[in-house]
């Protein structure tokens, strides 16, 4: 996938359009990602005894990876991701707009 855990991404479609967040988890087989603060879901939890109180829980749900773009700090916008090889033969991700290497 073109995004990894810890990447800063911008949402390009849906109810959370133009919001920026950090990727928390990646599910490559399902082509989905969980982004911090995006696609917030609500769950009503019943109490399970005195040690575990009930209440309303809010948590992030997964969204399709095609709905997010990598957010380039230099360009201050969402950018496409390309791939290149370094001199030592290592494959790295690069920003298509400014050419900056994204993998450190």
Protein backbone atom coordinates (compact mmCIF):
# COMPACT_ATOMS: atom_id res chain seq x y z
CA UNK A 1 0.00 0.00 0.00
CA UNK A 2 1.08 3.57 -0.57
CA UNK A 3 0.31 4.64 3.02
CA UNK A 4 1.84 3.19 6.18
CA UNK A 5 1.13 3.48 9.89
CA UNK A 6 2.23 6.88 11.17
CA UNK A 7 1.78 8.68 7.83
CA UNK A 8 -0.10 11.98 7.75
CA UNK A 9 -2.97 11.77 5.24
CA UNK A 10 -5.80 13.98 3.96
CA UNK A 11 -9.29 12.61 3.22
CA UNK A 12 -10.31 13.33 -0.39
CA UNK A 13 -13.96 12.19 -0.40
CA UNK A 14 -16.88 11.43 1.89
CA UNK A 15 -18.26 13.16 4.97
CA UNK A 16 -14.78 13.94 6.36
CA UNK A 17 -13.42 15.59 3.17
CA UNK A 18 -10.30 17.79 3.57
CA UNK A 19 -9.64 16.61 7.14
CA UNK A 20 -6.06 15.70 8.03
CA UNK A 21 -5.13 12.84 10.35
CA UNK A 22 -2.50 10.23 11.13
CA UNK A 23 -2.84 6.61 10.01
CA UNK A 24 -3.17 4.40 13.08
CA UNK A 25 -3.65 0.97 11.46
CA UNK A 26 -3.47 -0.46 7.95
CA UNK A 27 -5.38 -3.48 6.64
CA UNK A 28 -3.76 -4.31 3.26
CA UNK A 29 -5.93 -7.35 2.50
CA UNK A 30 -9.14 -5.31 2.87
CA UNK A 31 -7.52 -2.15 1.36
CA UNK A 32 -8.67 -0.13 4.38
CA UNK A 33 -7.02 2.22 6.89
CA UNK A 34 -7.94 3.66 10.28
CA UNK A 35 -7.17 7.38 10.53
CA UNK A 36 -7.07 9.25 13.83
CA UNK A 37 -10.17 11.44 14.25
CA UNK A 38 -11.80 10.32 10.96
CA UNK A 39 -15.00 8.22 10.56
CA UNK A 40 -15.91 8.37 14.25
CA UNK A 41 -18.36 5.65 15.26
CA UNK A 42 -20.50 5.44 18.39
CA UNK A 43 -21.11 2.29 20.42
CA UNK A 44 -23.50 2.03 23.34
CA UNK A 45 -21.84 -0.29 25.85
CA UNK A 46 -23.83 -2.06 28.56
CA UNK A 47 -22.25 -2.28 32.01
CA UNK A 48 -20.56 -5.60 32.75
CA UNK A 49 -20.43 -5.47 36.51
CA UNK A 50 -19.19 -2.84 38.95
CA UNK A 51 -15.63 -2.87 37.62
CA UNK A 52 -16.65 -2.19 33.99
CA UNK A 53 -19.16 0.66 33.74
CA UNK A 54 -21.30 1.18 30.66
CA UNK A 55 -21.58 4.28 28.55
CA UNK A 56 -21.22 5.65 25.05
CA UNK A 57 -17.88 4.89 23.41
CA UNK A 58 -16.51 6.79 20.42
CA UNK A 59 -13.88 5.18 18.21
CA UNK A 60 -12.45 5.41 14.70
CA UNK A 61 -13.78 3.09 12.01
CA UNK A 62 -11.87 1.91 8.94
CA UNK A 63 -12.23 3.72 5.61
CA UNK A 64 -11.17 2.69 2.13
CA UNK A 65 -7.55 3.52 1.36
CA UNK A 66 -8.57 5.08 -1.96
CA UNK A 67 -10.28 7.89 0.00
CA UNK A 68 -7.00 9.18 1.47
CA UNK A 69 -3.90 10.80 -0.01
CA UNK A 70 -0.50 11.24 1.56
CA UNK A 71 -0.18 14.77 3.02
CA UNK A 72 3.11 16.44 2.06
CA UNK A 73 4.30 18.93 4.70
CA UNK A 74 6.39 20.81 2.12
CA UNK A 75 3.53 21.31 -0.37
CA UNK A 76 0.78 21.58 2.31
CA UNK A 77 -1.55 19.41 0.20
CA UNK A 78 -2.39 15.82 -0.64
CA UNK A 79 0.02 14.27 -3.13
CA UNK A 80 0.37 11.11 -5.12
CA UNK A 81 3.10 8.69 -4.10
CA UNK A 82 5.67 7.26 -6.48
CA UNK A 83 8.50 4.80 -5.99
CA UNK A 84 12.22 5.13 -6.66
CA UNK A 85 15.41 3.25 -5.93
CA UNK A 86 18.30 4.74 -3.96
CA UNK A 87 21.95 4.23 -4.90
CA UNK A 88 22.22 1.30 -2.47
CA UNK A 89 19.25 -0.44 -4.16
CA UNK A 90 16.67 0.33 -1.47
CA UNK A 91 13.13 1.03 -2.73
CA UNK A 92 11.61 4.21 -1.24
CA UNK A 93 8.42 6.25 -1.63
CA UNK A 94 8.73 9.71 -3.17
CA UNK A 95 6.37 12.68 -3.46
CA UNK A 96 5.21 13.11 -7.08
CA UNK A 97 4.93 16.88 -6.68
CA UNK A 98 8.22 17.92 -5.05
CA UNK A 99 10.30 14.73 -5.41
CA UNK A 100 11.07 14.51 -1.68
CA UNK A 101 11.83 11.04 -0.28
CA UNK A 102 9.04 10.06 2.14
CA UNK A 103 10.71 7.04 3.77
CA UNK A 104 13.49 7.88 6.17
